[in-house]
Amino acid sequence: MPVEYNEVAGVSHNWSQLYIGARITGGLVALPVQLSYVSLGDKADFQNWVERKQEEVMENT
């Protein structure tokens, strides 16, 4: 399922779900993902990558 960078709101504490949507009551959707077995370093890289892409999208709008 393709997701826009600006739609990513976060990841669950155990990295089994990606939250997409707005951070308001009823605004999030939990998308099951297979990230719980990814190394801590790669998880940090993933978070940084998403944040960087979100910044790029915000700069271009």
Protein backbone atom coordinates (compact mmCIF):
# COMPACT_ATOMS: atom_id res chain seq x y z
CA MET A 1 0.00 0.00 0.00
CA PRO A 2 1.66 3.26 -1.06
CA VAL A 3 1.72 5.97 1.61
CA GLU A 4 2.71 9.61 1.18
CA TYR A 5 5.54 10.76 3.46
CA ASN A 6 3.42 13.55 4.91
CA GLU A 7 0.80 10.97 5.95
CA VAL A 8 3.20 9.06 8.24
CA ALA A 9 2.40 10.01 11.82
CA GLY A 10 4.55 7.46 13.66
CA VAL A 11 5.33 3.86 14.48
CA SER A 12 4.06 1.64 17.30
CA HIS A 13 6.32 1.00 20.28
CA ASN A 14 7.10 -2.51 19.04
CA TRP A 15 7.46 -1.48 15.37
CA SER A 16 4.62 -3.74 14.23
CA GLN A 17 2.35 -0.91 13.01
CA LEU A 18 2.87 2.24 11.00
CA TYR A 19 0.46 5.03 11.88
CA ILE A 20 -0.80 7.13 9.00
CA GLY A 21 -3.13 10.10 9.04
CA ALA A 22 -3.65 13.07 11.32
CA ARG A 23 -2.69 13.03 14.99
CA ILE A 24 -6.20 13.81 16.17
CA THR A 25 -8.87 11.64 17.76
CA GLY A 26 -10.10 9.25 15.10
CA GLY A 27 -7.59 10.52 12.55
CA LEU A 28 -5.05 7.68 12.59
CA VAL A 29 -5.01 4.38 10.79
CA ALA A 30 -2.71 1.58 11.95
CA LEU A 31 -1.09 -0.25 9.05
CA PRO A 32 0.53 -3.60 9.95
CA VAL A 33 4.21 -3.67 8.96
CA GLN A 34 7.10 -6.09 9.44
CA LEU A 35 9.61 -3.79 11.14
CA SER A 36 9.88 -5.40 14.56
CA TYR A 37 12.89 -7.51 13.50
CA VAL A 38 14.81 -4.61 11.95
CA SER A 39 17.97 -3.58 13.84
CA LEU A 40 17.86 -0.50 16.08
CA GLY A 41 20.24 1.31 13.76
CA ASP A 42 18.09 0.62 10.73
CA LYS A 43 14.98 1.72 12.66
CA ALA A 44 16.70 5.03 13.42
CA ASP A 45 17.69 5.34 9.75
CA PHE A 46 14.07 4.69 8.73
CA GLN A 47 12.77 7.35 11.12
CA ASN A 48 15.33 9.88 9.90
CA TRP A 49 14.56 9.08 6.27
CA VAL A 50 10.80 9.58 6.75
CA GLU A 51 11.37 12.84 8.65
CA ARG A 52 13.71 14.09 5.90
CA LYS A 53 11.19 13.24 3.18
CA GLN A 54 8.40 14.93 5.18
CA GLU A 55 10.53 18.09 5.39
CA GLU A 56 11.15 17.97 1.64
CA VAL A 57 7.41 17.66 0.97
CA MET A 58 6.66 20.59 3.30
CA GLU A 59 9.32 22.75 1.61
CA ASN A 60 7.87 22.05 -1.83
CA THR A 61 4.25 22.88 -0.94
